[in-house]
Amino acid sequence: MSAHGPACCPTGLRQTLDRPTADRLAELIKAAADPARLQLLSIIGSQEEACVCDLQAEIGLAQPTISYHLKKLTQSGLLIREQRGTWAWYRVDAERMSELAAVFELPVRV
């Protein structure tokens, strides 16, 4: 089990959620529910990892604003931060992203 919950098989909304699971999933959704954060997740995810020094040109926001959003994504567990010298490098946490993705994998009922 990870620090953020079960390590295996996220079920999203395909099963009834208990309150702790609903709280955990809501925090993930809140962390990602911002256009800049979605952009950051897509940039970092498409590159496997990214240096904070390269993100400003790609996203078009000021460095302090990018740092704020990266901090929120890291605190939620969606990003993993690694310090390399003076620069911070980020990569997507696949386990947490699969939990987030599972929320939106709903069976369609007619």
C-alpha atoms as a PDB file:
ATOM      1  CA  MET A   1       0.000   0.000   0.000  1.00  0.00           C
ATOM      2  CA  SER A   2       1.332   3.450  -0.909  1.00  0.00           C
ATOM      3  CA  ALA A   3       1.222   6.510   1.324  1.00  0.00           C
ATOM      4  CA  HIS A   4      -1.752   7.719  -0.715  1.00  0.00           C
ATOM      5  CA  GLY A   5      -3.867   4.570  -0.621  1.00  0.00           C
ATOM      6  CA  PRO A   6      -4.104   1.212  -2.345  1.00  0.00           C
ATOM      7  CA  ALA A   7      -1.270   0.525  -4.762  1.00  0.00           C
ATOM      8  CA  CYS A   8      -3.287  -1.691  -7.042  1.00  0.00           C
ATOM      9  CA  CYS A   9      -6.263  -1.631  -9.310  1.00  0.00           C
ATOM     10  CA  PRO A  10      -8.026   1.716  -8.897  1.00  0.00           C
ATOM     11  CA  THR A  11     -11.740   1.280  -9.519  1.00  0.00           C
ATOM     12  CA  GLY A  12     -12.784   4.920  -9.799  1.00  0.00           C
ATOM     13  CA  LEU A  13     -16.575   5.133  -9.813  1.00  0.00           C
ATOM     14  CA  ARG A  14     -17.248   1.577 -10.988  1.00  0.00           C
ATOM     15  CA  GLN A  15     -17.745   0.540  -7.381  1.00  0.00           C
ATOM     16  CA  THR A  16     -19.294   2.267  -4.393  1.00  0.00           C
ATOM     17  CA  LEU A  17     -16.690   4.461  -2.716  1.00  0.00           C
ATOM     18  CA  ASP A  18     -16.089   4.683   0.999  1.00  0.00           C
ATOM     19  CA  ARG A  19     -15.503   8.180   2.374  1.00  0.00           C
ATOM     20  CA  PRO A  20     -11.683   7.977   2.654  1.00  0.00           C
ATOM     21  CA  THR A  21     -11.419   6.826  -0.970  1.00  0.00           C
ATOM     22  CA  ALA A  22     -13.813   9.549  -2.131  1.00  0.00           C
ATOM     23  CA  ASP A  23     -11.773  12.143  -0.227  1.00  0.00           C
ATOM     24  CA  ARG A  24      -8.519  10.891  -1.785  1.00  0.00           C
ATOM     25  CA  LEU A  25      -9.957  10.926  -5.314  1.00  0.00           C
ATOM     26  CA  ALA A  26     -11.484  14.372  -4.802  1.00  0.00           C
ATOM     27  CA  GLU A  27      -8.059  15.719  -3.828  1.00  0.00           C
ATOM     28  CA  LEU A  28      -6.581  14.341  -7.049  1.00  0.00           C
ATOM     29  CA  ILE A  29      -9.343  15.912  -9.109  1.00  0.00           C
ATOM     30  CA  LYS A  30      -8.918  19.267  -7.318  1.00  0.00           C
ATOM     31  CA  ALA A  31      -5.163  19.194  -7.908  1.00  0.00           C
ATOM     32  CA  ALA A  32      -5.576  18.568 -11.630  1.00  0.00           C
ATOM     33  CA  ALA A  33      -8.600  20.850 -12.132  1.00  0.00           C
ATOM     34  CA  ASP A  34      -6.713  23.883 -13.358  1.00  0.00           C
ATOM     35  CA  PRO A  35      -5.751  24.682 -16.967  1.00  0.00           C
ATOM     36  CA  ALA A  36      -2.104  25.396 -16.102  1.00  0.00           C
ATOM     37  CA  ARG A  37      -1.818  22.166 -14.101  1.00  0.00           C
ATOM     38  CA  LEU A  38      -3.373  20.144 -16.904  1.00  0.00           C
ATOM     39  CA  GLN A  39      -0.860  21.713 -19.293  1.00  0.00           C
ATOM     40  CA  LEU A  40       2.007  20.880 -16.949  1.00  0.00           C
ATOM     41  CA  LEU A  41       0.832  17.279 -16.567  1.00  0.00           C
ATOM     42  CA  SER A  42       0.573  16.898 -20.338  1.00  0.00           C
ATOM     43  CA  ILE A  43       3.998  18.427 -20.995  1.00  0.00           C
ATOM     44  CA  ILE A  44       5.759  16.426 -18.316  1.00  0.00           C
ATOM     45  CA  GLY A  45       3.881  13.224 -19.149  1.00  0.00           C
ATOM     46  CA  SER A  46       4.679  13.479 -22.852  1.00  0.00           C
ATOM     47  CA  GLN A  47       8.397  13.929 -22.128  1.00  0.00           C
ATOM     48  CA  GLU A  48       8.638  11.349 -19.318  1.00  0.00           C
ATOM     49  CA  GLU A  49      10.335  14.037 -17.208  1.00  0.00           C
ATOM     50  CA  ALA A  50      10.986  17.748 -17.449  1.00  0.00           C
ATOM     51  CA  CYS A  51      13.224  20.297 -15.811  1.00  0.00           C
ATOM     52  CA  VAL A  52      11.504  23.243 -14.212  1.00  0.00           C
ATOM     53  CA  CYS A  53      13.931  25.426 -16.176  1.00  0.00           C
ATOM     54  CA  ASP A  54      12.314  24.336 -19.467  1.00  0.00           C
ATOM     55  CA  LEU A  55       8.663  24.706 -18.493  1.00  0.00           C
ATOM     56  CA  GLN A  56       8.358  28.485 -18.511  1.00  0.00           C
ATOM     57  CA  ALA A  57       8.878  28.775 -22.269  1.00  0.00           C
ATOM     58  CA  GLU A  58       6.416  25.973 -22.981  1.00  0.00           C
ATOM     59  CA  ILE A  59       3.586  27.090 -20.727  1.00  0.00           C
ATOM     60  CA  GLY A  60       3.973  30.886 -20.957  1.00  0.00           C
ATOM     61  CA  LEU A  61       3.553  31.671 -17.265  1.00  0.00           C
ATOM     62  CA  ALA A  62       5.906  33.370 -14.825  1.00  0.00           C
ATOM     63  CA  GLN A  63       8.341  31.156 -12.937  1.00  0.00           C
ATOM     64  CA  PRO A  64       6.697  31.735  -9.500  1.00  0.00           C
ATOM     65  CA  THR A  65       3.298  30.757 -10.929  1.00  0.00           C
ATOM     66  CA  ILE A  66       4.714  27.586 -12.469  1.00  0.00           C
ATOM     67  CA  SER A  67       6.438  26.719  -9.186  1.00  0.00           C
ATOM     68  CA  TYR A  68       3.155  27.171  -7.321  1.00  0.00           C
ATOM     69  CA  HIS A  69       1.330  24.789  -9.678  1.00  0.00           C
ATOM     70  CA  LEU A  70       4.159  22.248  -9.606  1.00  0.00           C
ATOM     71  CA  LYS A  71       4.083  22.332  -5.803  1.00  0.00           C
ATOM     72  CA  LYS A  72       0.329  21.617  -5.782  1.00  0.00           C
ATOM     73  CA  LEU A  73       0.753  18.722  -8.230  1.00  0.00           C
ATOM     74  CA  THR A  74       3.653  17.323  -6.206  1.00  0.00           C
ATOM     75  CA  GLN A  75       1.761  17.609  -2.906  1.00  0.00           C
ATOM     76  CA  SER A  76      -1.151  15.693  -4.434  1.00  0.00           C
ATOM     77  CA  GLY A  77       1.204  12.934  -5.532  1.00  0.00           C
ATOM     78  CA  LEU A  78       0.534  13.397  -9.254  1.00  0.00           C
ATOM     79  CA  LEU A  79       4.133  14.507  -9.824  1.00  0.00           C
ATOM     80  CA  ILE A  80       7.397  13.259  -8.393  1.00  0.00           C
ATOM     81  CA  ARG A  81      10.092  15.892  -7.824  1.00  0.00           C
ATOM     82  CA  GLU A  82      13.807  15.180  -7.941  1.00  0.00           C
ATOM     83  CA  GLN A  83      16.439  17.792  -7.165  1.00  0.00           C
ATOM     84  CA  ARG A  84      19.484  17.625  -9.490  1.00  0.00           C
ATOM     85  CA  GLY A  85      21.970  20.286  -8.565  1.00  0.00           C
ATOM     86  CA  THR A  86      20.208  23.640  -8.707  1.00  0.00           C
ATOM     87  CA  TRP A  87      17.316  22.401 -10.874  1.00  0.00           C
ATOM     88  CA  ALA A  88      14.205  20.449  -9.994  1.00  0.00           C
ATOM     89  CA  TRP A  89      13.073  17.712 -12.373  1.00  0.00           C
ATOM     90  CA  TYR A  90       9.530  16.369 -12.447  1.00  0.00           C
ATOM     91  CA  ARG A  91       7.918  13.178 -13.674  1.00  0.00           C
ATOM     92  CA  VAL A  92       4.362  11.916 -13.535  1.00  0.00           C
ATOM     93  CA  ASP A  93       3.547   9.335 -10.864  1.00  0.00           C
ATOM     94  CA  ALA A  94       1.902   6.619 -12.963  1.00  0.00           C
ATOM     95  CA  GLU A  95       0.101   5.021 -10.006  1.00  0.00           C
ATOM     96  CA  ARG A  96      -1.570   8.263  -8.954  1.00  0.00           C
ATOM     97  CA  MET A  97      -2.421   9.166 -12.556  1.00  0.00           C
ATOM     98  CA  SER A  98      -4.095   5.784 -13.000  1.00  0.00           C
ATOM     99  CA  GLU A  99      -6.208   6.505  -9.908  1.00  0.00           C
ATOM    100  CA  LEU A 100      -7.242   9.814 -11.453  1.00  0.00           C
ATOM    101  CA  ALA A 101      -7.918   8.233 -14.852  1.00  0.00           C
ATOM    102  CA  ALA A 102     -10.050   5.501 -13.280  1.00  0.00           C
ATOM    103  CA  VAL A 103     -12.470   8.110 -11.936  1.00  0.00           C
ATOM    104  CA  PHE A 104     -13.400   9.011 -15.488  1.00  0.00           C
ATOM    105  CA  GLU A 105     -13.654   5.458 -16.837  1.00  0.00           C
ATOM    106  CA  LEU A 106     -17.368   5.080 -16.288  1.00  0.00           C
ATOM    107  CA  PRO A 107     -19.459   2.318 -17.787  1.00  0.00           C
ATOM    108  CA  VAL A 108     -22.068   3.710 -20.153  1.00  0.00           C
ATOM    109  CA  ARG A 109     -25.585   2.595 -19.316  1.00  0.00           C
ATOM    110  CA  VAL A 110     -28.455   3.142 -21.664  1.00  0.00           C
END
